[in-house]
Amino acid sequence: MARTGYSTPVSGETVARGKANELPISPKHAMEIARFIRNKKTGEAVAYLEEVISAKKAIPFRKYNRKVAHKRGLSGWDAGRYPRKASLAYVRLIHSVTKNAEYLGLDTGNLRIIHAAANRGRGFEGMFPRAMGRATPKRRETVNIEIVVQEVQ
């Protein structure tokens, strides 16, 4: 059964939504990016995330910042990283939400991200074979991310 529910009950004629389930990215990176892009316009968010992918600008790590080095260019914060894989997933989802808004007849130049969230998804379990017939467990983490945009005037 598909997981289609959203964590926020936002609806209306000027709202478009998008969700991606079980992406193989870091949950901590996804949560920090969601916090950062919330309340930004979609064009600004995509432009910033593309600079993160090319390692020109950093995402400020506010919650998961233990042993995270300082990065140049962060205003109002010092710790940050360049989560390329998670940023690429967010760029793809923002493009998808923009297409959903276009389909609904919204102006794609005036879309603001009013809700962005990342939750831990299912963990895939497996085993690493070791010497002498032993094995070590391994677990791959996944993330569910969702974005809700609204047209602003």
C-alpha atoms as a PDB file:
ATOM      1  CA  MET A   1       0.000   0.000   0.000  1.00  0.00           C
ATOM      2  CA  ALA A   2       1.327   3.422  -0.945  1.00  0.00           C
ATOM      3  CA  ARG A   3       2.183   5.963   1.732  1.00  0.00           C
ATOM      4  CA  THR A   4       0.509   9.114   0.425  1.00  0.00           C
ATOM      5  CA  GLY A   5      -0.224  11.017   3.634  1.00  0.00           C
ATOM      6  CA  TYR A   6       1.470  14.305   4.460  1.00  0.00           C
ATOM      7  CA  SER A   7       2.534  15.461   7.895  1.00  0.00           C
ATOM      8  CA  THR A   8       0.665  18.766   7.538  1.00  0.00           C
ATOM      9  CA  PRO A   9      -2.999  19.240   6.548  1.00  0.00           C
ATOM     10  CA  VAL A  10      -2.410  22.157   4.140  1.00  0.00           C
ATOM     11  CA  SER A  11      -4.911  22.441   1.310  1.00  0.00           C
ATOM     12  CA  GLY A  12      -6.383  25.081  -0.948  1.00  0.00           C
ATOM     13  CA  GLU A  13      -6.483  26.342  -4.509  1.00  0.00           C
ATOM     14  CA  THR A  14      -3.042  27.981  -4.366  1.00  0.00           C
ATOM     15  CA  VAL A  15      -1.188  24.964  -2.909  1.00  0.00           C
ATOM     16  CA  ALA A  16       0.820  22.248  -4.661  1.00  0.00           C
ATOM     17  CA  ARG A  17       2.511  19.295  -2.965  1.00  0.00           C
ATOM     18  CA  GLY A  18       5.133  16.690  -3.665  1.00  0.00           C
ATOM     19  CA  LYS A  19       6.631  13.770  -1.807  1.00  0.00           C
ATOM     20  CA  ALA A  20       9.470  11.304  -2.301  1.00  0.00           C
ATOM     21  CA  ASN A  21       9.565   8.089  -0.286  1.00  0.00           C
ATOM     22  CA  GLU A  22      12.502   5.937   0.793  1.00  0.00           C
ATOM     23  CA  LEU A  23      15.357   7.882  -0.784  1.00  0.00           C
ATOM     24  CA  PRO A  24      18.815   6.460   0.007  1.00  0.00           C
ATOM     25  CA  ILE A  25      20.182   9.672   1.563  1.00  0.00           C
ATOM     26  CA  SER A  26      21.295  10.710   5.026  1.00  0.00           C
ATOM     27  CA  PRO A  27      18.395  11.562   7.365  1.00  0.00           C
ATOM     28  CA  LYS A  28      20.438  14.209   9.167  1.00  0.00           C
ATOM     29  CA  HIS A  29      21.394  15.938   5.921  1.00  0.00           C
ATOM     30  CA  ALA A  30      17.794  15.806   4.705  1.00  0.00           C
ATOM     31  CA  MET A  31      16.456  17.349   7.924  1.00  0.00           C
ATOM     32  CA  GLU A  32      18.987  20.193   7.851  1.00  0.00           C
ATOM     33  CA  ILE A  33      18.196  20.977   4.201  1.00  0.00           C
ATOM     34  CA  ALA A  34      14.445  20.932   4.934  1.00  0.00           C
ATOM     35  CA  ARG A  35      14.936  23.439   7.743  1.00  0.00           C
ATOM     36  CA  PHE A  36      17.077  25.639   5.512  1.00  0.00           C
ATOM     37  CA  ILE A  37      14.796  25.818   2.447  1.00  0.00           C
ATOM     38  CA  ARG A  38      11.568  26.355   4.388  1.00  0.00           C
ATOM     39  CA  ASN A  39       9.959  29.775   3.650  1.00  0.00           C
ATOM     40  CA  LYS A  40      12.157  30.383   0.585  1.00  0.00           C
ATOM     41  CA  LYS A  41      10.989  30.811  -2.997  1.00  0.00           C
ATOM     42  CA  THR A  42      11.478  27.740  -5.156  1.00  0.00           C
ATOM     43  CA  GLY A  43      13.859  29.509  -7.545  1.00  0.00           C
ATOM     44  CA  GLU A  44      16.060  30.716  -4.679  1.00  0.00           C
ATOM     45  CA  ALA A  45      16.085  27.262  -3.088  1.00  0.00           C
ATOM     46  CA  VAL A  46      17.058  25.498  -6.328  1.00  0.00           C
ATOM     47  CA  ALA A  47      19.790  28.043  -7.077  1.00  0.00           C
ATOM     48  CA  TYR A  48      21.279  27.672  -3.584  1.00  0.00           C
ATOM     49  CA  LEU A  49      21.097  23.865  -3.647  1.00  0.00           C
ATOM     50  CA  GLU A  50      22.846  23.769  -7.025  1.00  0.00           C
ATOM     51  CA  GLU A  51      25.666  25.810  -5.490  1.00  0.00           C
ATOM     52  CA  VAL A  52      25.768  23.312  -2.608  1.00  0.00           C
ATOM     53  CA  ILE A  53      26.110  20.490  -5.157  1.00  0.00           C
ATOM     54  CA  SER A  54      29.066  22.304  -6.728  1.00  0.00           C
ATOM     55  CA  ALA A  55      30.536  22.926  -3.209  1.00  0.00           C
ATOM     56  CA  LYS A  56      30.432  26.728  -3.485  1.00  0.00           C
ATOM     57  CA  LYS A  57      27.975  27.348  -0.634  1.00  0.00           C
ATOM     58  CA  ALA A  58      27.275  25.315   2.492  1.00  0.00           C
ATOM     59  CA  ILE A  59      24.107  24.292   4.303  1.00  0.00           C
ATOM     60  CA  PRO A  60      24.178  25.491   7.928  1.00  0.00           C
ATOM     61  CA  PHE A  61      23.955  22.551  10.313  1.00  0.00           C
ATOM     62  CA  ARG A  62      22.032  23.799  13.339  1.00  0.00           C
ATOM     63  CA  LYS A  63      20.848  20.600  15.035  1.00  0.00           C
ATOM     64  CA  TYR A  64      23.259  17.903  13.893  1.00  0.00           C
ATOM     65  CA  ASN A  65      26.425  19.963  14.223  1.00  0.00           C
ATOM     66  CA  ARG A  66      28.588  17.957  16.583  1.00  0.00           C
ATOM     67  CA  LYS A  67      32.134  17.851  15.217  1.00  0.00           C
ATOM     68  CA  VAL A  68      31.053  19.754  12.083  1.00  0.00           C
ATOM     69  CA  ALA A  69      33.685  22.187  10.853  1.00  0.00           C
ATOM     70  CA  HIS A  70      33.103  25.865  10.191  1.00  0.00           C
ATOM     71  CA  LYS A  71      32.438  26.833   6.593  1.00  0.00           C
ATOM     72  CA  ARG A  72      33.127  30.101   4.830  1.00  0.00           C
ATOM     73  CA  GLY A  73      30.190  32.217   3.702  1.00  0.00           C
ATOM     74  CA  LEU A  74      27.536  31.203   6.221  1.00  0.00           C
ATOM     75  CA  SER A  75      25.707  34.203   7.636  1.00  0.00           C
ATOM     76  CA  GLY A  76      24.493  33.917  11.216  1.00  0.00           C
ATOM     77  CA  TRP A  77      25.953  30.451  11.731  1.00  0.00           C
ATOM     78  CA  ASP A  78      29.341  28.799  11.596  1.00  0.00           C
ATOM     79  CA  ALA A  79      28.980  25.010  11.247  1.00  0.00           C
ATOM     80  CA  GLY A  80      27.995  23.616   7.873  1.00  0.00           C
ATOM     81  CA  ARG A  81      28.493  20.973   5.223  1.00  0.00           C
ATOM     82  CA  TYR A  82      27.985  20.306   1.515  1.00  0.00           C
ATOM     83  CA  PRO A  83      25.408  17.464   1.386  1.00  0.00           C
ATOM     84  CA  ARG A  84      25.523  16.844  -2.369  1.00  0.00           C
ATOM     85  CA  LYS A  85      23.452  13.667  -2.590  1.00  0.00           C
ATOM     86  CA  ALA A  86      20.617  15.012  -0.430  1.00  0.00           C
ATOM     87  CA  SER A  87      20.677  18.363  -2.239  1.00  0.00           C
ATOM     88  CA  LEU A  88      20.281  16.595  -5.574  1.00  0.00           C
ATOM     89  CA  ALA A  89      17.224  14.745  -4.238  1.00  0.00           C
ATOM     90  CA  TYR A  90      15.704  18.027  -3.044  1.00  0.00           C
ATOM     91  CA  VAL A  91      16.321  19.718  -6.399  1.00  0.00           C
ATOM     92  CA  ARG A  92      14.526  16.884  -8.170  1.00  0.00           C
ATOM     93  CA  LEU A  93      11.594  17.088  -5.737  1.00  0.00           C
ATOM     94  CA  ILE A  94      11.323  20.886  -6.069  1.00  0.00           C
ATOM     95  CA  HIS A  95      11.194  20.523  -9.865  1.00  0.00           C
ATOM     96  CA  SER A  96       8.447  17.920  -9.435  1.00  0.00           C
ATOM     97  CA  VAL A  97       6.441  20.209  -7.141  1.00  0.00           C
ATOM     98  CA  THR A  98       6.880  23.063  -9.616  1.00  0.00           C
ATOM     99  CA  LYS A  99       5.466  20.859 -12.382  1.00  0.00           C
ATOM    100  CA  ASN A 100       2.553  19.910 -10.115  1.00  0.00           C
ATOM    101  CA  ALA A 101       1.866  23.617  -9.514  1.00  0.00           C
ATOM    102  CA  GLU A 102       2.041  24.316 -13.242  1.00  0.00           C
ATOM    103  CA  TYR A 103      -0.478  21.539 -13.860  1.00  0.00           C
ATOM    104  CA  LEU A 104      -2.807  23.119 -11.280  1.00  0.00           C
ATOM    105  CA  GLY A 105      -2.553  26.474 -13.085  1.00  0.00           C
ATOM    106  CA  LEU A 106      -0.406  28.309 -10.526  1.00  0.00           C
ATOM    107  CA  ASP A 107       2.226  30.905 -11.422  1.00  0.00           C
ATOM    108  CA  THR A 108       5.522  29.030 -11.085  1.00  0.00           C
ATOM    109  CA  GLY A 109       7.540  32.223 -10.641  1.00  0.00           C
ATOM    110  CA  ASN A 110       5.799  33.108  -7.348  1.00  0.00           C
ATOM    111  CA  LEU A 111       5.931  29.821  -5.451  1.00  0.00           C
ATOM    112  CA  ARG A 112       7.071  29.842  -1.822  1.00  0.00           C
ATOM    113  CA  ILE A 113       7.927  26.681   0.124  1.00  0.00           C
ATOM    114  CA  ILE A 114       5.591  26.806   3.110  1.00  0.00           C
ATOM    115  CA  HIS A 115       6.317  23.303   4.371  1.00  0.00           C
ATOM    116  CA  ALA A 116       9.373  21.081   4.009  1.00  0.00           C
ATOM    117  CA  ALA A 117       9.900  17.999   6.144  1.00  0.00           C
ATOM    118  CA  ALA A 118      12.122  14.941   6.213  1.00  0.00           C
ATOM    119  CA  ASN A 119      11.387  11.761   8.150  1.00  0.00           C
ATOM    120  CA  ARG A 120      13.325   8.548   8.536  1.00  0.00           C
ATOM    121  CA  GLY A 121      12.040   5.827   6.235  1.00  0.00           C
ATOM    122  CA  ARG A 122      12.434   2.088   6.326  1.00  0.00           C
ATOM    123  CA  GLY A 123      15.843   0.673   7.065  1.00  0.00           C
ATOM    124  CA  PHE A 124      17.053  -2.115   4.801  1.00  0.00           C
ATOM    125  CA  GLU A 125      18.839  -4.806   6.734  1.00  0.00           C
ATOM    126  CA  GLY A 126      21.567  -7.093   5.490  1.00  0.00           C
ATOM    127  CA  MET A 127      24.781  -8.813   6.484  1.00  0.00           C
ATOM    128  CA  PHE A 128      28.471  -8.295   5.756  1.00  0.00           C
ATOM    129  CA  PRO A 129      30.219 -11.671   5.423  1.00  0.00           C
ATOM    130  CA  ARG A 130      33.323 -11.926   7.607  1.00  0.00           C
ATOM    131  CA  ALA A 131      36.129 -14.378   8.121  1.00  0.00           C
ATOM    132  CA  MET A 132      35.624 -17.809   9.681  1.00  0.00           C
ATOM    133  CA  GLY A 133      31.902 -18.020   8.960  1.00  0.00           C
ATOM    134  CA  ARG A 134      30.872 -14.936  10.921  1.00  0.00           C
ATOM    135  CA  ALA A 135      28.848 -11.945   9.757  1.00  0.00           C
ATOM    136  CA  THR A 136      28.295  -8.336  10.766  1.00  0.00           C
ATOM    137  CA  PRO A 137      24.871  -6.709  10.412  1.00  0.00           C
ATOM    138  CA  LYS A 138      24.463  -3.672   8.182  1.00  0.00           C
ATOM    139  CA  ARG A 139      21.568  -1.270   7.838  1.00  0.00           C
ATOM    140  CA  ARG A 140      20.862   1.180   5.004  1.00  0.00           C
ATOM    141  CA  GLU A 141      18.878   4.239   6.027  1.00  0.00           C
ATOM    142  CA  THR A 142      16.216   5.819   3.861  1.00  0.00           C
ATOM    143  CA  VAL A 143      14.355   9.121   4.068  1.00  0.00           C
ATOM    144  CA  ASN A 144      10.866  10.350   3.176  1.00  0.00           C
ATOM    145  CA  ILE A 145      10.825  14.017   2.149  1.00  0.00           C
ATOM    146  CA  GLU A 146       7.838  16.216   1.398  1.00  0.00           C
ATOM    147  CA  ILE A 147       7.442  19.766   0.147  1.00  0.00           C
ATOM    148  CA  VAL A 148       4.331  21.970   0.011  1.00  0.00           C
ATOM    149  CA  VAL A 149       4.433  25.213  -1.992  1.00  0.00           C
ATOM    150  CA  GLN A 150       1.969  28.068  -2.135  1.00  0.00           C
ATOM    151  CA  GLU A 151       1.536  30.811  -4.714  1.00  0.00           C
ATOM    152  CA  VAL A 152       2.169  34.259  -3.236  1.00  0.00           C
ATOM    153  CA  GLN A 153       1.319  37.600  -4.767  1.00  0.00           C
END
